[in-house]
Amino acid sequence: MCRWLAYTGAPINMDELLLKPEHSMIDQSKHALQSTYEINADGFGVGWYGAPAEPGLYHDVRPIWNDTNFHDLSRHVQSHLFLCHIRASSGAPVVRVNCHPFRYGRWLFQHNGDIGQFGKIRHALSSRIDPEFFANMNGATDTETMFHLALTYGLMDDPVTGMRRMIEDVESHRTQAGIEDPFRMTVAVSDGESLWSFRHASHGVPPSLYHSTSKSALKDAPDSSFTLPDDSVIILSEPLDSVSEHWVEVPPSSTLIVQPGNAEIQPLFG
């Protein structure tokens, strides 16, 4: 399974989260603690918001720890909202167009998990994507299909409804195809102002998901080499340090709606 992180708050240099913490994205790419794969080295990506409405993207297929350009970029780019994803492929080729986050206009989308036996329903799901959004697709992942299905179902007008309808469609096609392997996911999506996250599994336990506690959970972390603004919120696959008080687990079948300084958990289907 992949690992990912999303941040919102006062602008910070991205290396404050991506490089410096005890269990940073660099460390998670080598030693993931809550994943079926300890090593996540099948490419990575970062997306960030700045002055332009459309976010910037940087992707590569090499392991994140081995990309000196990324290390330099993250030390110099400052952003109020950014997403980072390190990939462990579930079968799709290790090529740049399959690296997360994915972008459409001002929207970013990243995912951990997989649609079980995706190949059996890939064509059926793809055929339901609006042609306008389908033209934006370049890769072969279940994630990109999920994103463009959610766009088709109104993600840009109502992210929660768009994601619910996408999940319902995937689950319906799994049932029709007789697929027993689950659809398992955590997702982060943003328009540059807000963050939404979702945790779901057809059955069993979905991939891990946490958010930081209020007033900058990591600000007073022992032995920390960094601090964060009070209004910051971090969503991520696994904690950046070993202090349990700094993190809140997002329950299965939940939606997490994040504004600077506030994270609200709601039922995914209520």
C-alpha atoms as a PDB file:
ATOM      1  CA  MET A   1       0.000   0.000   0.000  1.00  0.00           C
ATOM      2  CA  CYS A   2       1.097   3.570  -0.658  1.00  0.00           C
ATOM      3  CA  ARG A   3       1.715   6.313   1.909  1.00  0.00           C
ATOM      4  CA  TRP A   4       0.492   9.889   1.627  1.00  0.00           C
ATOM      5  CA  LEU A   5       0.269  13.197   3.462  1.00  0.00           C
ATOM      6  CA  ALA A   6      -1.730  16.419   3.037  1.00  0.00           C
ATOM      7  CA  TYR A   7      -1.173  19.742   4.841  1.00  0.00           C
ATOM      8  CA  THR A   8      -3.206  22.916   5.210  1.00  0.00           C
ATOM      9  CA  GLY A   9      -2.455  25.988   7.321  1.00  0.00           C
ATOM     10  CA  ALA A  10      -0.193  29.008   7.246  1.00  0.00           C
ATOM     11  CA  PRO A  11       2.434  28.702   4.475  1.00  0.00           C
ATOM     12  CA  ILE A  12       5.465  26.592   5.360  1.00  0.00           C
ATOM     13  CA  ASN A  13       8.396  25.183   3.443  1.00  0.00           C
ATOM     14  CA  MET A  14       7.369  21.690   2.370  1.00  0.00           C
ATOM     15  CA  ASP A  15      10.500  20.089   3.816  1.00  0.00           C
ATOM     16  CA  GLU A  16       9.159  20.849   7.320  1.00  0.00           C
ATOM     17  CA  LEU A  17       6.877  17.818   6.878  1.00  0.00           C
ATOM     18  CA  LEU A  18       8.313  15.881   3.964  1.00  0.00           C
ATOM     19  CA  LEU A  19      11.964  15.695   5.051  1.00  0.00           C
ATOM     20  CA  LYS A  20      12.488  16.707   8.695  1.00  0.00           C
ATOM     21  CA  PRO A  21      10.184  14.647  10.967  1.00  0.00           C
ATOM     22  CA  GLU A  22      11.240  11.474  12.751  1.00  0.00           C
ATOM     23  CA  HIS A  23       8.971   9.383  10.512  1.00  0.00           C
ATOM     24  CA  SER A  24       8.960  11.657   7.464  1.00  0.00           C
ATOM     25  CA  MET A  25       7.780  10.705   4.001  1.00  0.00           C
ATOM     26  CA  ILE A  26      11.395   9.790   3.262  1.00  0.00           C
ATOM     27  CA  ASP A  27      11.452   7.413   6.231  1.00  0.00           C
ATOM     28  CA  GLN A  28       8.002   6.004   5.408  1.00  0.00           C
ATOM     29  CA  SER A  29       9.159   5.201   1.895  1.00  0.00           C
ATOM     30  CA  LYS A  30      11.836   2.938   3.385  1.00  0.00           C
ATOM     31  CA  HIS A  31      10.176   1.752   6.603  1.00  0.00           C
ATOM     32  CA  ALA A  32       6.378   2.028   6.487  1.00  0.00           C
ATOM     33  CA  LEU A  33       4.907   0.795   9.778  1.00  0.00           C
ATOM     34  CA  GLN A  34       1.189   0.462   8.956  1.00  0.00           C
ATOM     35  CA  SER A  35       1.266  -0.838   5.412  1.00  0.00           C
ATOM     36  CA  THR A  36       1.278  -4.196   3.678  1.00  0.00           C
ATOM     37  CA  TYR A  37       4.486  -3.008   1.980  1.00  0.00           C
ATOM     38  CA  GLU A  38       7.376  -1.739   4.103  1.00  0.00           C
ATOM     39  CA  ILE A  39       9.094  -0.282   1.030  1.00  0.00           C
ATOM     40  CA  ASN A  40       7.269   2.295  -1.099  1.00  0.00           C
ATOM     41  CA  ALA A  41       9.631   2.946  -3.987  1.00  0.00           C
ATOM     42  CA  ASP A  42       7.480   2.862  -7.156  1.00  0.00           C
ATOM     43  CA  GLY A  43       7.581   6.595  -7.769  1.00  0.00           C
ATOM     44  CA  PHE A  44       6.236   9.597  -5.890  1.00  0.00           C
ATOM     45  CA  GLY A  45       4.702  12.992  -6.376  1.00  0.00           C
ATOM     46  CA  VAL A  46       3.974  16.290  -4.679  1.00  0.00           C
ATOM     47  CA  GLY A  47       1.314  18.855  -5.558  1.00  0.00           C
ATOM     48  CA  TRP A  48       1.197  22.337  -4.063  1.00  0.00           C
ATOM     49  CA  TYR A  49      -0.842  25.526  -4.242  1.00  0.00           C
ATOM     50  CA  GLY A  50       0.672  28.978  -4.647  1.00  0.00           C
ATOM     51  CA  ALA A  51      -0.262  32.175  -6.462  1.00  0.00           C
ATOM     52  CA  PRO A  52      -1.762  30.512  -9.599  1.00  0.00           C
ATOM     53  CA  ALA A  53      -5.162  28.876  -9.186  1.00  0.00           C
ATOM     54  CA  GLU A  54      -3.872  25.658 -10.743  1.00  0.00           C
ATOM     55  CA  PRO A  55      -1.564  23.717  -8.423  1.00  0.00           C
ATOM     56  CA  GLY A  56       2.004  22.805  -9.277  1.00  0.00           C
ATOM     57  CA  LEU A  57       3.054  19.172  -9.668  1.00  0.00           C
ATOM     58  CA  TYR A  58       6.324  17.274  -9.460  1.00  0.00           C
ATOM     59  CA  HIS A  59       6.420  13.526 -10.230  1.00  0.00           C
ATOM     60  CA  ASP A  60       9.174  10.989 -10.713  1.00  0.00           C
ATOM     61  CA  VAL A  61       9.483   7.203 -10.912  1.00  0.00           C
ATOM     62  CA  ARG A  62      12.610   6.895  -8.798  1.00  0.00           C
ATOM     63  CA  PRO A  63      12.334   6.357  -5.010  1.00  0.00           C
ATOM     64  CA  ILE A  64      11.669   9.602  -3.168  1.00  0.00           C
ATOM     65  CA  TRP A  65      14.855   9.209  -1.091  1.00  0.00           C
ATOM     66  CA  ASN A  66      16.952   9.122  -4.272  1.00  0.00           C
ATOM     67  CA  ASP A  67      15.691  12.291  -5.964  1.00  0.00           C
ATOM     68  CA  THR A  68      17.938  15.232  -5.083  1.00  0.00           C
ATOM     69  CA  ASN A  69      15.803  17.580  -7.198  1.00  0.00           C
ATOM     70  CA  PHE A  70      12.809  16.845  -4.948  1.00  0.00           C
ATOM     71  CA  HIS A  71      14.864  17.429  -1.810  1.00  0.00           C
ATOM     72  CA  ASP A  72      15.940  20.824  -3.111  1.00  0.00           C
ATOM     73  CA  LEU A  73      12.432  21.692  -4.313  1.00  0.00           C
ATOM     74  CA  SER A  74      10.841  20.883  -0.958  1.00  0.00           C
ATOM     75  CA  ARG A  75      13.348  23.069   0.894  1.00  0.00           C
ATOM     76  CA  HIS A  76      12.560  26.093  -1.270  1.00  0.00           C
ATOM     77  CA  VAL A  77       8.835  25.849  -2.090  1.00  0.00           C
ATOM     78  CA  GLN A  78       6.516  27.381   0.491  1.00  0.00           C
ATOM     79  CA  SER A  79       2.807  26.558   0.394  1.00  0.00           C
ATOM     80  CA  HIS A  80      -0.339  26.863   2.504  1.00  0.00           C
ATOM     81  CA  LEU A  81      -1.701  23.569   1.140  1.00  0.00           C
ATOM     82  CA  PHE A  82       0.191  20.646  -0.363  1.00  0.00           C
ATOM     83  CA  LEU A  83      -0.136  16.898  -0.931  1.00  0.00           C
ATOM     84  CA  CYS A  84       2.603  14.274  -1.155  1.00  0.00           C
ATOM     85  CA  HIS A  85       2.310  10.619  -2.195  1.00  0.00           C
ATOM     86  CA  ILE A  86       4.816   7.756  -2.223  1.00  0.00           C
ATOM     87  CA  ARG A  87       3.761   4.813  -4.348  1.00  0.00           C
ATOM     88  CA  ALA A  88       3.794   1.034  -3.965  1.00  0.00           C
ATOM     89  CA  SER A  89       2.217  -0.189  -7.185  1.00  0.00           C
ATOM     90  CA  SER A  90      -0.649  -2.676  -6.998  1.00  0.00           C
ATOM     91  CA  GLY A  91      -0.005  -3.746 -10.586  1.00  0.00           C
ATOM     92  CA  ALA A  92      -0.080  -0.678 -12.837  1.00  0.00           C
ATOM     93  CA  PRO A  93       3.259   0.154 -14.524  1.00  0.00           C
ATOM     94  CA  VAL A  94       5.844   2.284 -12.747  1.00  0.00           C
ATOM     95  CA  VAL A  95       5.718   5.285 -15.069  1.00  0.00           C
ATOM     96  CA  ARG A  96       5.396   8.998 -14.380  1.00  0.00           C
ATOM     97  CA  VAL A  97       1.782   9.307 -15.570  1.00  0.00           C
ATOM     98  CA  ASN A  98       0.731   6.776 -12.907  1.00  0.00           C
ATOM     99  CA  CYS A  99       2.221   8.790 -10.028  1.00  0.00           C
ATOM    100  CA  HIS A 100      -0.073  10.675  -7.669  1.00  0.00           C
ATOM    101  CA  PRO A 101      -1.364  13.307  -6.997  1.00  0.00           C
ATOM    102  CA  PHE A 102      -3.545  13.650 -10.085  1.00  0.00           C
ATOM    103  CA  ARG A 103      -4.705  17.082 -11.229  1.00  0.00           C
ATOM    104  CA  TYR A 104      -7.757  18.486 -12.990  1.00  0.00           C
ATOM    105  CA  GLY A 105      -7.899  22.284 -13.106  1.00  0.00           C
ATOM    106  CA  ARG A 106      -7.446  23.466  -9.523  1.00  0.00           C
ATOM    107  CA  TRP A 107      -8.239  20.014  -8.059  1.00  0.00           C
ATOM    108  CA  LEU A 108      -5.741  17.473  -6.691  1.00  0.00           C
ATOM    109  CA  PHE A 109      -6.496  13.830  -5.818  1.00  0.00           C
ATOM    110  CA  GLN A 110      -4.396  11.057  -4.255  1.00  0.00           C
ATOM    111  CA  HIS A 111      -5.221   7.575  -3.008  1.00  0.00           C
ATOM    112  CA  ASN A 112      -3.951   4.646  -0.972  1.00  0.00           C
ATOM    113  CA  GLY A 113      -5.489   1.208  -1.488  1.00  0.00           C
ATOM    114  CA  ASP A 114      -6.860  -0.576  -4.508  1.00  0.00           C
ATOM    115  CA  ILE A 115      -9.970  -1.788  -6.302  1.00  0.00           C
ATOM    116  CA  GLY A 116      -9.750  -5.570  -6.014  1.00  0.00           C
ATOM    117  CA  GLN A 117      -9.406  -7.244  -9.437  1.00  0.00           C
ATOM    118  CA  PHE A 118      -9.643  -3.824 -11.073  1.00  0.00           C
ATOM    119  CA  GLY A 119      -8.901  -5.267 -14.508  1.00  0.00           C
ATOM    120  CA  LYS A 120     -12.257  -7.058 -14.535  1.00  0.00           C
ATOM    121  CA  ILE A 121     -14.241  -3.832 -14.230  1.00  0.00           C
ATOM    122  CA  ARG A 122     -11.817  -1.249 -15.593  1.00  0.00           C
ATOM    123  CA  HIS A 123     -13.565  -0.958 -18.961  1.00  0.00           C
ATOM    124  CA  ALA A 124     -17.038  -0.752 -17.418  1.00  0.00           C
ATOM    125  CA  LEU A 125     -15.963   1.974 -14.998  1.00  0.00           C
ATOM    126  CA  SER A 126     -14.040   3.938 -17.626  1.00  0.00           C
ATOM    127  CA  SER A 127     -17.043   3.926 -19.946  1.00  0.00           C
ATOM    128  CA  ARG A 128     -19.019   5.857 -17.313  1.00  0.00           C
ATOM    129  CA  ILE A 129     -16.548   8.761 -17.213  1.00  0.00           C
ATOM    130  CA  ASP A 130     -17.713  11.949 -18.928  1.00  0.00           C
ATOM    131  CA  PRO A 131     -15.739  12.480 -22.189  1.00  0.00           C
ATOM    132  CA  GLU A 132     -14.555  15.908 -21.002  1.00  0.00           C
ATOM    133  CA  PHE A 133     -12.890  14.337 -17.973  1.00  0.00           C
ATOM    134  CA  PHE A 134     -11.779  11.184 -19.796  1.00  0.00           C
ATOM    135  CA  ALA A 135      -9.675  13.379 -22.104  1.00  0.00           C
ATOM    136  CA  ASN A 136      -7.636  14.382 -19.026  1.00  0.00           C
ATOM    137  CA  MET A 137      -6.586  10.769 -18.280  1.00  0.00           C
ATOM    138  CA  ASN A 138      -3.076   9.655 -19.201  1.00  0.00           C
ATOM    139  CA  GLY A 139      -2.335   6.621 -17.020  1.00  0.00           C
ATOM    140  CA  ALA A 140      -3.625   3.165 -16.160  1.00  0.00           C
ATOM    141  CA  THR A 141      -4.325   3.224 -12.420  1.00  0.00           C
ATOM    142  CA  ASP A 142      -7.513   2.560 -10.515  1.00  0.00           C
ATOM    143  CA  THR A 143      -6.831   5.864  -8.736  1.00  0.00           C
ATOM    144  CA  GLU A 144      -7.068   7.947 -11.891  1.00  0.00           C
ATOM    145  CA  THR A 145     -10.292   6.133 -12.807  1.00  0.00           C
ATOM    146  CA  MET A 146     -11.724   6.855  -9.342  1.00  0.00           C
ATOM    147  CA  PHE A 147     -10.829  10.543  -9.621  1.00  0.00           C
ATOM    148  CA  HIS A 148     -12.436  11.025 -13.013  1.00  0.00           C
ATOM    149  CA  LEU A 149     -15.514   9.068 -11.998  1.00  0.00           C
ATOM    150  CA  ALA A 150     -15.875  11.343  -8.970  1.00  0.00           C
ATOM    151  CA  LEU A 151     -15.470  14.380 -11.246  1.00  0.00           C
ATOM    152  CA  THR A 152     -18.217  12.948 -13.456  1.00  0.00           C
ATOM    153  CA  TYR A 153     -20.460  12.567 -10.401  1.00  0.00           C
ATOM    154  CA  GLY A 154     -20.083  16.187  -9.299  1.00  0.00           C
ATOM    155  CA  LEU A 155     -16.906  16.286  -7.200  1.00  0.00           C
ATOM    156  CA  MET A 156     -16.228  19.928  -8.106  1.00  0.00           C
ATOM    157  CA  ASP A 157     -19.671  21.053  -6.918  1.00  0.00           C
ATOM    158  CA  ASP A 158     -19.960  18.765  -3.874  1.00  0.00           C
ATOM    159  CA  PRO A 159     -16.871  16.655  -3.057  1.00  0.00           C
ATOM    160  CA  VAL A 160     -18.655  14.466  -0.494  1.00  0.00           C
ATOM    161  CA  THR A 161     -21.530  13.564  -2.825  1.00  0.00           C
ATOM    162  CA  GLY A 162     -19.182  13.062  -5.774  1.00  0.00           C
ATOM    163  CA  MET A 163     -17.053  10.635  -3.766  1.00  0.00           C
ATOM    164  CA  ARG A 164     -20.042   8.765  -2.365  1.00  0.00           C
ATOM    165  CA  ARG A 165     -21.468   8.251  -5.855  1.00  0.00           C
ATOM    166  CA  MET A 166     -18.079   7.059  -7.127  1.00  0.00           C
ATOM    167  CA  ILE A 167     -17.791   4.531  -4.281  1.00  0.00           C
ATOM    168  CA  GLU A 168     -21.335   3.290  -4.875  1.00  0.00           C
ATOM    169  CA  ASP A 169     -20.603   2.819  -8.585  1.00  0.00           C
ATOM    170  CA  VAL A 170     -17.405   0.870  -7.939  1.00  0.00           C
ATOM    171  CA  GLU A 171     -19.158  -1.330  -5.376  1.00  0.00           C
ATOM    172  CA  SER A 172     -22.057  -1.970  -7.767  1.00  0.00           C
ATOM    173  CA  HIS A 173     -19.687  -3.070 -10.517  1.00  0.00           C
ATOM    174  CA  ARG A 174     -17.763  -5.302  -8.089  1.00  0.00           C
ATOM    175  CA  THR A 175     -21.011  -7.040  -7.147  1.00  0.00           C
ATOM    176  CA  GLN A 176     -22.120  -7.455 -10.772  1.00  0.00           C
ATOM    177  CA  ALA A 177     -18.733  -8.941 -11.685  1.00  0.00           C
ATOM    178  CA  GLY A 178     -18.731 -11.312  -8.701  1.00  0.00           C
ATOM    179  CA  ILE A 179     -15.507  -9.847  -7.299  1.00  0.00           C
ATOM    180  CA  GLU A 180     -14.798 -10.904  -3.719  1.00  0.00           C
ATOM    181  CA  ASP A 181     -11.578  -8.894  -3.237  1.00  0.00           C
ATOM    182  CA  PRO A 182     -12.495  -5.616  -1.522  1.00  0.00           C
ATOM    183  CA  PHE A 183     -12.333  -2.039  -2.682  1.00  0.00           C
ATOM    184  CA  ARG A 184     -10.076  -0.427  -0.061  1.00  0.00           C
ATOM    185  CA  MET A 185      -9.200   3.238  -0.017  1.00  0.00           C
ATOM    186  CA  THR A 186      -8.128   6.361   1.735  1.00  0.00           C
ATOM    187  CA  VAL A 187      -8.336   9.451  -0.454  1.00  0.00           C
ATOM    188  CA  ALA A 188      -7.308  13.089  -0.146  1.00  0.00           C
ATOM    189  CA  VAL A 189      -8.824  15.688  -2.463  1.00  0.00           C
ATOM    190  CA  SER A 190      -8.424  19.470  -2.513  1.00  0.00           C
ATOM    191  CA  ASP A 191      -9.426  22.583  -4.441  1.00  0.00           C
ATOM    192  CA  GLY A 192      -6.652  24.689  -2.893  1.00  0.00           C
ATOM    193  CA  GLU A 193      -8.861  26.080  -0.128  1.00  0.00           C
ATOM    194  CA  SER A 194     -10.225  23.016   1.686  1.00  0.00           C
ATOM    195  CA  LEU A 195      -9.206  19.385   2.122  1.00  0.00           C
ATOM    196  CA  TRP A 196     -11.491  16.372   2.128  1.00  0.00           C
ATOM    197  CA  SER A 197     -10.455  12.845   3.024  1.00  0.00           C
ATOM    198  CA  PHE A 198     -12.323   9.534   2.891  1.00  0.00           C
ATOM    199  CA  ARG A 199     -11.722   6.093   4.422  1.00  0.00           C
ATOM    200  CA  HIS A 200     -13.627   3.076   3.070  1.00  0.00           C
ATOM    201  CA  ALA A 201     -13.450  -0.672   2.531  1.00  0.00           C
ATOM    202  CA  SER A 202     -15.995  -3.065   1.003  1.00  0.00           C
ATOM    203  CA  HIS A 203     -15.231  -5.403   3.898  1.00  0.00           C
ATOM    204  CA  GLY A 204     -12.421  -5.821   6.380  1.00  0.00           C
ATOM    205  CA  VAL A 205     -10.256  -2.984   7.671  1.00  0.00           C
ATOM    206  CA  PRO A 206      -9.547  -0.083   5.306  1.00  0.00           C
ATOM    207  CA  PRO A 207      -6.054   1.416   4.977  1.00  0.00           C
ATOM    208  CA  SER A 208      -4.864   3.502   7.921  1.00  0.00           C
ATOM    209  CA  LEU A 209      -5.678   7.217   8.163  1.00  0.00           C
ATOM    210  CA  TYR A 210      -4.934   9.892  10.791  1.00  0.00           C
ATOM    211  CA  HIS A 211      -5.150  13.621  11.300  1.00  0.00           C
ATOM    212  CA  SER A 212      -3.138  15.824  13.633  1.00  0.00           C
ATOM    213  CA  THR A 213      -4.725  17.106  16.814  1.00  0.00           C
ATOM    214  CA  SER A 214      -5.659  20.780  16.975  1.00  0.00           C
ATOM    215  CA  LYS A 215      -3.228  23.610  17.641  1.00  0.00           C
ATOM    216  CA  SER A 216      -0.406  21.932  15.758  1.00  0.00           C
ATOM    217  CA  ALA A 217       0.006  18.463  17.202  1.00  0.00           C
ATOM    218  CA  LEU A 218       3.709  18.382  16.440  1.00  0.00           C
ATOM    219  CA  LYS A 219       4.574  21.827  17.760  1.00  0.00           C
ATOM    220  CA  ASP A 220       5.816  20.593  21.137  1.00  0.00           C
ATOM    221  CA  ALA A 221       6.970  17.154  20.039  1.00  0.00           C
ATOM    222  CA  PRO A 222      10.000  15.979  22.019  1.00  0.00           C
ATOM    223  CA  ASP A 223      13.228  15.889  19.996  1.00  0.00           C
ATOM    224  CA  SER A 224      11.413  17.528  17.074  1.00  0.00           C
ATOM    225  CA  SER A 225      13.548  19.455  14.597  1.00  0.00           C
ATOM    226  CA  PHE A 226      10.600  21.513  13.377  1.00  0.00           C
ATOM    227  CA  THR A 227       7.524  23.440  14.461  1.00  0.00           C
ATOM    228  CA  LEU A 228       4.263  24.184  12.676  1.00  0.00           C
ATOM    229  CA  PRO A 229       1.738  27.045  12.782  1.00  0.00           C
ATOM    230  CA  ASP A 230      -1.113  26.746  15.286  1.00  0.00           C
ATOM    231  CA  ASP A 231      -3.780  26.644  12.569  1.00  0.00           C
ATOM    232  CA  SER A 232      -2.196  23.720  10.690  1.00  0.00           C
ATOM    233  CA  VAL A 233      -3.891  20.378  10.086  1.00  0.00           C
ATOM    234  CA  ILE A 234      -2.148  17.333   8.653  1.00  0.00           C
ATOM    235  CA  ILE A 235      -3.909  14.270   7.203  1.00  0.00           C
ATOM    236  CA  LEU A 236      -1.719  11.240   6.576  1.00  0.00           C
ATOM    237  CA  SER A 237      -1.462   7.483   6.236  1.00  0.00           C
ATOM    238  CA  GLU A 238       0.610   7.053   9.364  1.00  0.00           C
ATOM    239  CA  PRO A 239       1.941   9.386  12.083  1.00  0.00           C
ATOM    240  CA  LEU A 240       5.116  11.420  11.657  1.00  0.00           C
ATOM    241  CA  ASP A 241       6.273  10.627  15.196  1.00  0.00           C
ATOM    242  CA  SER A 242       5.631   8.085  17.952  1.00  0.00           C
ATOM    243  CA  VAL A 243       3.675  10.371  20.307  1.00  0.00           C
ATOM    244  CA  SER A 244       0.112   9.022  20.221  1.00  0.00           C
ATOM    245  CA  GLU A 245      -1.377  12.230  21.690  1.00  0.00           C
ATOM    246  CA  HIS A 246      -0.417  14.069  18.512  1.00  0.00           C
ATOM    247  CA  TRP A 247      -2.706  12.016  16.266  1.00  0.00           C
ATOM    248  CA  VAL A 248      -6.359  11.048  15.886  1.00  0.00           C
ATOM    249  CA  GLU A 249      -7.277   7.938  13.915  1.00  0.00           C
ATOM    250  CA  VAL A 250     -10.041   8.524  11.387  1.00  0.00           C
ATOM    251  CA  PRO A 251     -12.604   5.704  11.813  1.00  0.00           C
ATOM    252  CA  PRO A 252     -13.536   3.382   8.931  1.00  0.00           C
ATOM    253  CA  SER A 253     -16.414   4.555   6.709  1.00  0.00           C
ATOM    254  CA  SER A 254     -15.696   8.206   7.484  1.00  0.00           C
ATOM    255  CA  THR A 255     -15.368  11.539   5.746  1.00  0.00           C
ATOM    256  CA  LEU A 256     -12.882  14.082   7.086  1.00  0.00           C
ATOM    257  CA  ILE A 257     -13.509  17.734   6.204  1.00  0.00           C
ATOM    258  CA  VAL A 258     -10.567  20.029   6.927  1.00  0.00           C
ATOM    259  CA  GLN A 259     -10.199  23.792   7.097  1.00  0.00           C
ATOM    260  CA  PRO A 260      -7.152  25.498   8.620  1.00  0.00           C
ATOM    261  CA  GLY A 261      -7.245  24.778  12.344  1.00  0.00           C
ATOM    262  CA  ASN A 262     -10.213  22.428  12.207  1.00  0.00           C
ATOM    263  CA  ALA A 263     -10.805  18.782  11.250  1.00  0.00           C
ATOM    264  CA  GLU A 264     -14.365  17.420  11.364  1.00  0.00           C
ATOM    265  CA  ILE A 265     -15.156  13.712  11.045  1.00  0.00           C
ATOM    266  CA  GLN A 266     -18.525  12.682   9.611  1.00  0.00           C
ATOM    267  CA  PRO A 267     -19.989   9.307   8.567  1.00  0.00           C
ATOM    268  CA  LEU A 268     -19.221   8.517   4.933  1.00  0.00           C
ATOM    269  CA  PHE A 269     -22.709   7.125   4.451  1.00  0.00           C
ATOM    270  CA  GLY A 270     -25.180   8.450   6.980  1.00  0.00           C
END
